[in-house]
């Protein structure tokens, strides 16, 4: 094998792993943004838990005739 063939193979491998690294960093960034969004929703969920129970049986599906 010549040096140019080895250099070509190493370049292809380097590009492949660099692409995987970039995709991993991008995925990590997107997951961090999603986690921040979900953490921001957390107080809203706690507020809904503290609300009193609302009786839903008065809706049209449960008409008392």
PDB file of N, CA and C in Angstrom:
ATOM      1  N   UNK A   1       0.841  -1.193   0.000  1.00  0.00           N
ATOM      2  CA  UNK A   1       0.000   0.000   0.000  1.00  0.00           C
ATOM      3  C   UNK A   1       0.879   1.246   0.000  1.00  0.00           C
ATOM      4  N   UNK A   2       0.454   2.186  -0.762  1.00  0.00           N
ATOM      5  CA  UNK A   2       1.228   3.426  -0.835  1.00  0.00           C
ATOM      6  C   UNK A   2       0.792   4.402   0.255  1.00  0.00           C
ATOM      7  N   UNK A   3       1.617   5.385   0.445  1.00  0.00           N
ATOM      8  CA  UNK A   3       1.305   6.382   1.467  1.00  0.00           C
ATOM      9  C   UNK A   3       0.040   7.156   1.125  1.00  0.00           C
ATOM     10  N   UNK A   4      -0.196   7.397  -0.123  1.00  0.00           N
ATOM     11  CA  UNK A   4      -1.381   8.169  -0.513  1.00  0.00           C
ATOM     12  C   UNK A   4      -2.665   7.372  -0.234  1.00  0.00           C
ATOM     13  N   UNK A   5      -2.625   6.056  -0.386  1.00  0.00           N
ATOM     14  CA  UNK A   5      -3.798   5.227  -0.091  1.00  0.00           C
ATOM     15  C   UNK A   5      -4.081   5.229   1.408  1.00  0.00           C
ATOM     16  N   UNK A   6      -3.031   5.142   2.199  1.00  0.00           N
ATOM     17  CA  UNK A   6      -3.203   5.169   3.655  1.00  0.00           C
ATOM     18  C   UNK A   6      -3.728   6.535   4.096  1.00  0.00           C
ATOM     19  N   UNK A   7      -3.183   7.587   3.530  1.00  0.00           N
ATOM     20  CA  UNK A   7      -3.639   8.940   3.867  1.00  0.00           C
ATOM     21  C   UNK A   7      -5.098   9.134   3.468  1.00  0.00           C
ATOM     22  N   UNK A   8      -5.511   8.592   2.330  1.00  0.00           N
ATOM     23  CA  UNK A   8      -6.903   8.697   1.887  1.00  0.00           C
ATOM     24  C   UNK A   8      -7.841   7.959   2.843  1.00  0.00           C
ATOM     25  N   UNK A   9      -7.455   6.763   3.239  1.00  0.00           N
ATOM     26  CA  UNK A   9      -8.280   5.977   4.161  1.00  0.00           C
ATOM     27  C   UNK A   9      -8.390   6.684   5.508  1.00  0.00           C
ATOM     28  N   UNK A  10      -7.280   7.194   6.007  1.00  0.00           N
ATOM     29  CA  UNK A  10      -7.303   7.913   7.284  1.00  0.00           C
ATOM     30  C   UNK A  10      -8.147   9.184   7.198  1.00  0.00           C
ATOM     31  N   UNK A  11      -8.096   9.860   6.080  1.00  0.00           N
ATOM     32  CA  UNK A  11      -8.908  11.063   5.885  1.00  0.00           C
ATOM     33  C   UNK A  11     -10.395  10.718   5.899  1.00  0.00           C
ATOM     34  N   UNK A  12     -10.768   9.642   5.225  1.00  0.00           N
ATOM     35  CA  UNK A  12     -12.166   9.215   5.196  1.00  0.00           C
ATOM     36  C   UNK A  12     -12.632   8.842   6.602  1.00  0.00           C
ATOM     37  N   UNK A  13     -11.795   8.113   7.337  1.00  0.00           N
ATOM     38  CA  UNK A  13     -12.144   7.730   8.713  1.00  0.00           C
ATOM     39  C   UNK A  13     -12.274   8.966   9.589  1.00  0.00           C
ATOM     40  N   UNK A  14     -11.362   9.918   9.425  1.00  0.00           N
ATOM     41  CA  UNK A  14     -11.407  11.157  10.198  1.00  0.00           C
ATOM     42  C   UNK A  14     -12.685  11.937   9.916  1.00  0.00           C
ATOM     43  N   UNK A  15     -13.066  12.051   8.657  1.00  0.00           N
ATOM     44  CA  UNK A  15     -14.293  12.761   8.293  1.00  0.00           C
ATOM     45  C   UNK A  15     -15.512  12.050   8.874  1.00  0.00           C
ATOM     46  N   UNK A  16     -15.524  10.725   8.830  1.00  0.00           N
ATOM     47  CA  UNK A  16     -16.642   9.957   9.373  1.00  0.00           C
ATOM     48  C   UNK A  16     -16.815  10.216  10.871  1.00  0.00           C
ATOM     49  N   UNK A  17     -15.721  10.113  11.626  1.00  0.00           N
ATOM     50  CA  UNK A  17     -15.826  10.313  13.069  1.00  0.00           C
ATOM     51  C   UNK A  17     -16.080  11.774  13.434  1.00  0.00           C
ATOM     52  N   UNK A  18     -15.605  12.707  12.637  1.00  0.00           N
ATOM     53  CA  UNK A  18     -15.901  14.121  12.868  1.00  0.00           C
ATOM     54  C   UNK A  18     -17.395  14.382  12.661  1.00  0.00           C
ATOM     55  N   UNK A  19     -17.973  13.733  11.649  1.00  0.00           N
ATOM     56  CA  UNK A  19     -19.418  13.883  11.421  1.00  0.00           C
ATOM     57  C   UNK A  19     -20.208  13.297  12.586  1.00  0.00           C
ATOM     58  N   UNK A  20     -19.779  12.135  13.084  1.00  0.00           N
ATOM     59  CA  UNK A  20     -20.457  11.551  14.251  1.00  0.00           C
ATOM     60  C   UNK A  20     -20.342  12.455  15.467  1.00  0.00           C
ATOM     61  N   UNK A  21     -19.185  13.054  15.664  1.00  0.00           N
ATOM     62  CA  UNK A  21     -18.986  13.962  16.784  1.00  0.00           C
ATOM     63  C   UNK A  21     -19.889  15.182  16.654  1.00  0.00           C
ATOM     64  N   UNK A  22     -19.982  15.741  15.464  1.00  0.00           N
ATOM     65  CA  UNK A  22     -20.855  16.906  15.248  1.00  0.00           C
ATOM     66  C   UNK A  22     -22.313  16.552  15.500  1.00  0.00           C
ATOM     67  N   UNK A  23     -22.744  15.394  15.035  1.00  0.00           N
ATOM     68  CA  UNK A  23     -24.126  14.972  15.271  1.00  0.00           C
ATOM     69  C   UNK A  23     -24.388  14.761  16.761  1.00  0.00           C
ATOM     70  N   UNK A  24     -23.424  14.217  17.478  1.00  0.00           N
ATOM     71  CA  UNK A  24     -23.574  14.016  18.914  1.00  0.00           C
ATOM     72  C   UNK A  24     -23.665  15.325  19.679  1.00  0.00           C
ATOM     73  N   UNK A  25     -22.839  16.286  19.303  1.00  0.00           N
ATOM     74  CA  UNK A  25     -22.868  17.603  19.954  1.00  0.00           C
ATOM     75  C   UNK A  25     -24.190  18.294  19.667  1.00  0.00           C
ATOM     76  N   UNK A  26     -24.663  18.184  18.441  1.00  0.00           N
ATOM     77  CA  UNK A  26     -25.952  18.802  18.070  1.00  0.00           C
ATOM     78  C   UNK A  26     -27.099  18.168  18.857  1.00  0.00           C
ATOM     79  N   UNK A  27     -27.092  16.840  18.973  1.00  0.00           N
ATOM     80  CA  UNK A  27     -28.135  16.132  19.715  1.00  0.00           C
ATOM     81  C   UNK A  27     -28.097  16.526  21.190  1.00  0.00           C
ATOM     82  N   UNK A  28     -26.903  16.652  21.745  1.00  0.00           N
ATOM     83  CA  UNK A  28     -26.758  17.062  23.139  1.00  0.00           C
ATOM     84  C   UNK A  28     -27.317  18.469  23.346  1.00  0.00           C
ATOM     85  N   UNK A  29     -27.048  19.373  22.413  1.00  0.00           N
ATOM     86  CA  UNK A  29     -27.572  20.733  22.492  1.00  0.00           C
ATOM     87  C   UNK A  29     -29.085  20.745  22.437  1.00  0.00           C
ATOM     88  N   UNK A  30     -29.661  19.966  21.520  1.00  0.00           N
ATOM     89  CA  UNK A  30     -31.118  19.919  21.396  1.00  0.00           C
ATOM     90  C   UNK A  30     -31.763  19.330  22.651  1.00  0.00           C
ATOM     91  N   UNK A  31     -31.148  18.305  23.225  1.00  0.00           N
ATOM     92  CA  UNK A  31     -31.685  17.713  24.454  1.00  0.00           C
ATOM     93  C   UNK A  31     -31.591  18.686  25.619  1.00  0.00           C
ATOM     94  N   UNK A  32     -30.535  19.479  25.673  1.00  0.00           N
ATOM     95  CA  UNK A  32     -30.400  20.474  26.734  1.00  0.00           C
ATOM     96  C   UNK A  32     -31.479  21.541  26.606  1.00  0.00           C
ATOM     97  N   UNK A  33     -31.759  21.987  25.386  1.00  0.00           N
ATOM     98  CA  UNK A  33     -32.816  22.979  25.175  1.00  0.00           C
ATOM     99  C   UNK A  33     -34.178  22.403  25.568  1.00  0.00           C
ATOM    100  N   UNK A  34     -34.435  21.139  25.217  1.00  0.00           N
ATOM    101  CA  UNK A  34     -35.692  20.493  25.574  1.00  0.00           C
ATOM    102  C   UNK A  34     -35.810  20.355  27.089  1.00  0.00           C
ATOM    103  N   UNK A  35     -34.716  20.034  27.753  1.00  0.00           N
ATOM    104  CA  UNK A  35     -34.724  19.919  29.204  1.00  0.00           C
ATOM    105  C   UNK A  35     -35.033  21.266  29.854  1.00  0.00           C
ATOM    106  N   UNK A  36     -34.459  22.342  29.334  1.00  0.00           N
ATOM    107  CA  UNK A  36     -34.748  23.676  29.865  1.00  0.00           C
ATOM    108  C   UNK A  36     -36.214  24.031  29.668  1.00  0.00           C
ATOM    109  N   UNK A  37     -36.776  23.658  28.526  1.00  0.00           N
ATOM    110  CA  UNK A  37     -38.196  23.945  28.266  1.00  0.00           C
ATOM    111  C   UNK A  37     -39.083  23.173  29.239  1.00  0.00           C
ATOM    112  N   UNK A  38     -38.742  21.916  29.487  1.00  0.00           N
ATOM    113  CA  UNK A  38     -39.534  21.106  30.410  1.00  0.00           C
ATOM    114  C   UNK A  38     -39.396  21.594  31.845  1.00  0.00           C
ATOM    115  N   UNK A  39     -38.213  22.059  32.215  1.00  0.00           N
ATOM    116  CA  UNK A  39     -38.021  22.617  33.555  1.00  0.00           C
ATOM    117  C   UNK A  39     -38.844  23.885  33.728  1.00  0.00           C
ATOM    118  N   UNK A  40     -38.985  24.668  32.669  1.00  0.00           N
ATOM    119  CA  UNK A  40     -39.798  25.883  32.741  1.00  0.00           C
ATOM    120  C   UNK A  40     -41.275  25.542  32.903  1.00  0.00           C
ATOM    121  N   UNK A  41     -41.695  24.402  32.372  1.00  0.00           N
ATOM    122  CA  UNK A  41     -43.092  23.980  32.505  1.00  0.00           C
ATOM    123  C   UNK A  41     -43.385  23.412  33.887  1.00  0.00           C
ATOM    124  N   UNK A  42     -42.394  23.016  34.624  1.00  0.00           N
ATOM    125  CA  UNK A  42     -42.572  22.354  35.908  1.00  0.00           C
ATOM    126  C   UNK A  42     -43.439  23.155  36.881  1.00  0.00           C
ATOM    127  N   UNK A  43     -43.252  24.486  37.050  1.00  0.00           N
ATOM    128  CA  UNK A  43     -44.137  25.230  37.960  1.00  0.00           C
ATOM    129  C   UNK A  43     -45.597  25.209  37.510  1.00  0.00           C
ATOM    130  N   UNK A  44     -45.831  25.177  36.214  1.00  0.00           N
ATOM    131  CA  UNK A  44     -47.201  25.121  35.721  1.00  0.00           C
ATOM    132  C   UNK A  44     -47.852  23.813  36.131  1.00  0.00           C
ATOM    133  N   UNK A  45     -47.126  22.739  36.085  1.00  0.00           N
ATOM    134  CA  UNK A  45     -47.653  21.436  36.478  1.00  0.00           C
ATOM    135  C   UNK A  45     -47.972  21.428  37.969  1.00  0.00           C
ATOM    136  N   UNK A  46     -47.095  22.013  38.772  1.00  0.00           N
ATOM    137  CA  UNK A  46     -47.329  22.074  40.215  1.00  0.00           C
ATOM    138  C   UNK A  46     -48.567  22.906  40.523  1.00  0.00           C
ATOM    139  N   UNK A  47     -48.792  23.998  39.779  1.00  0.00           N
ATOM    140  CA  UNK A  47     -49.974  24.828  40.005  1.00  0.00           C
ATOM    141  C   UNK A  47     -51.248  24.045  39.709  1.00  0.00           C
ATOM    142  N   UNK A  48     -51.229  23.216  38.674  1.00  0.00           N
ATOM    143  CA  UNK A  48     -52.415  22.434  38.334  1.00  0.00           C
ATOM    144  C   UNK A  48     -52.712  21.374  39.380  1.00  0.00           C
ATOM    145  N   UNK A  49     -51.683  20.862  40.042  1.00  0.00           N
ATOM    146  CA  UNK A  49     -51.894  19.864  41.084  1.00  0.00           C
ATOM    147  C   UNK A  49     -52.587  20.474  42.293  1.00  0.00           C
ATOM    148  N   UNK A  50     -52.339  21.751  42.550  1.00  0.00           N
ATOM    149  CA  UNK A  50     -52.903  22.420  43.718  1.00  0.00           C
ATOM    150  C   UNK A  50     -54.324  22.919  43.486  1.00  0.00           C
ATOM    151  N   UNK A  51     -54.804  22.885  42.264  1.00  0.00           N
ATOM    152  CA  UNK A  51     -56.155  23.359  41.977  1.00  0.00           C
ATOM    153  C   UNK A  51     -57.181  22.396  42.579  1.00  0.00           C
ATOM    154  N   UNK A  52     -58.311  22.932  43.024  1.00  0.00           N
ATOM    155  CA  UNK A  52     -59.352  22.034  43.538  1.00  0.00           C
ATOM    156  C   UNK A  52     -59.956  21.187  42.417  1.00  0.00           C
ATOM    157  N   UNK A  53     -60.530  20.072  42.798  1.00  0.00           N
ATOM    158  CA  UNK A  53     -61.114  19.153  41.827  1.00  0.00           C
ATOM    159  C   UNK A  53     -62.309  19.814  41.154  1.00  0.00           C
ATOM    160  N   UNK A  54     -62.380  19.710  39.844  1.00  0.00           N
ATOM    161  CA  UNK A  54     -63.495  20.265  39.085  1.00  0.00           C
ATOM    162  C   UNK A  54     -64.392  19.111  38.656  1.00  0.00           C
ATOM    163  N   UNK A  55     -65.646  19.199  38.983  1.00  0.00           N
ATOM    164  CA  UNK A  55     -66.595  18.148  38.646  1.00  0.00           C
ATOM    165  C   UNK A  55     -66.941  18.248  37.168  1.00  0.00           C
ATOM    166  N   UNK A  56     -66.570  17.240  36.415  1.00  0.00           N
ATOM    167  CA  UNK A  56     -66.799  17.254  34.971  1.00  0.00           C
ATOM    168  C   UNK A  56     -68.073  16.519  34.579  1.00  0.00           C
ATOM    169  N   UNK A  57     -68.816  16.008  35.526  1.00  0.00           N
ATOM    170  CA  UNK A  57     -70.010  15.222  35.199  1.00  0.00           C
ATOM    171  C   UNK A  57     -71.176  16.100  34.770  1.00  0.00           C
ATOM    172  N   UNK A  58     -71.032  17.391  34.810  1.00  0.00           N
ATOM    173  CA  UNK A  58     -72.096  18.297  34.387  1.00  0.00           C
ATOM    174  C   UNK A  58     -72.025  18.605  32.890  1.00  0.00           C
ATOM    175  N   UNK A  59     -71.131  17.966  32.184  1.00  0.00           N
ATOM    176  CA  UNK A  59     -70.983  18.244  30.759  1.00  0.00           C
ATOM    177  C   UNK A  59     -72.102  17.591  29.955  1.00  0.00           C
ATOM    178  N   UNK A  60     -72.118  17.848  28.666  1.00  0.00           N
ATOM    179  CA  UNK A  60     -73.192  17.371  27.806  1.00  0.00           C
ATOM    180  C   UNK A  60     -73.220  15.849  27.690  1.00  0.00           C
ATOM    181  N   UNK A  61     -72.117  15.187  27.948  1.00  0.00           N
ATOM    182  CA  UNK A  61     -72.098  13.730  27.824  1.00  0.00           C
ATOM    183  C   UNK A  61     -72.882  13.054  28.948  1.00  0.00           C
ATOM    184  N   UNK A  62     -73.078  13.769  30.014  1.00  0.00           N
ATOM    185  CA  UNK A  62     -73.745  13.192  31.179  1.00  0.00           C
ATOM    186  C   UNK A  62     -75.053  13.907  31.478  1.00  0.00           C
ATOM    187  N   UNK A  63     -75.766  14.273  30.435  1.00  0.00           N
ATOM    188  CA  UNK A  63     -77.046  14.961  30.637  1.00  0.00           C
ATOM    189  C   UNK A  63     -77.993  14.103  31.453  1.00  0.00           C
ATOM    190  N   UNK A  64     -78.616  14.737  32.428  1.00  0.00           N
ATOM    191  CA  UNK A  64     -79.619  14.037  33.239  1.00  0.00           C
ATOM    192  C   UNK A  64     -80.977  14.383  32.665  1.00  0.00           C
ATOM    193  N   UNK A  65     -81.607  13.423  32.043  1.00  0.00           N
ATOM    194  CA  UNK A  65     -82.903  13.678  31.405  1.00  0.00           C
ATOM    195  C   UNK A  65     -84.020  13.162  32.261  1.00  0.00           C
TER     196      UNK A  65
END
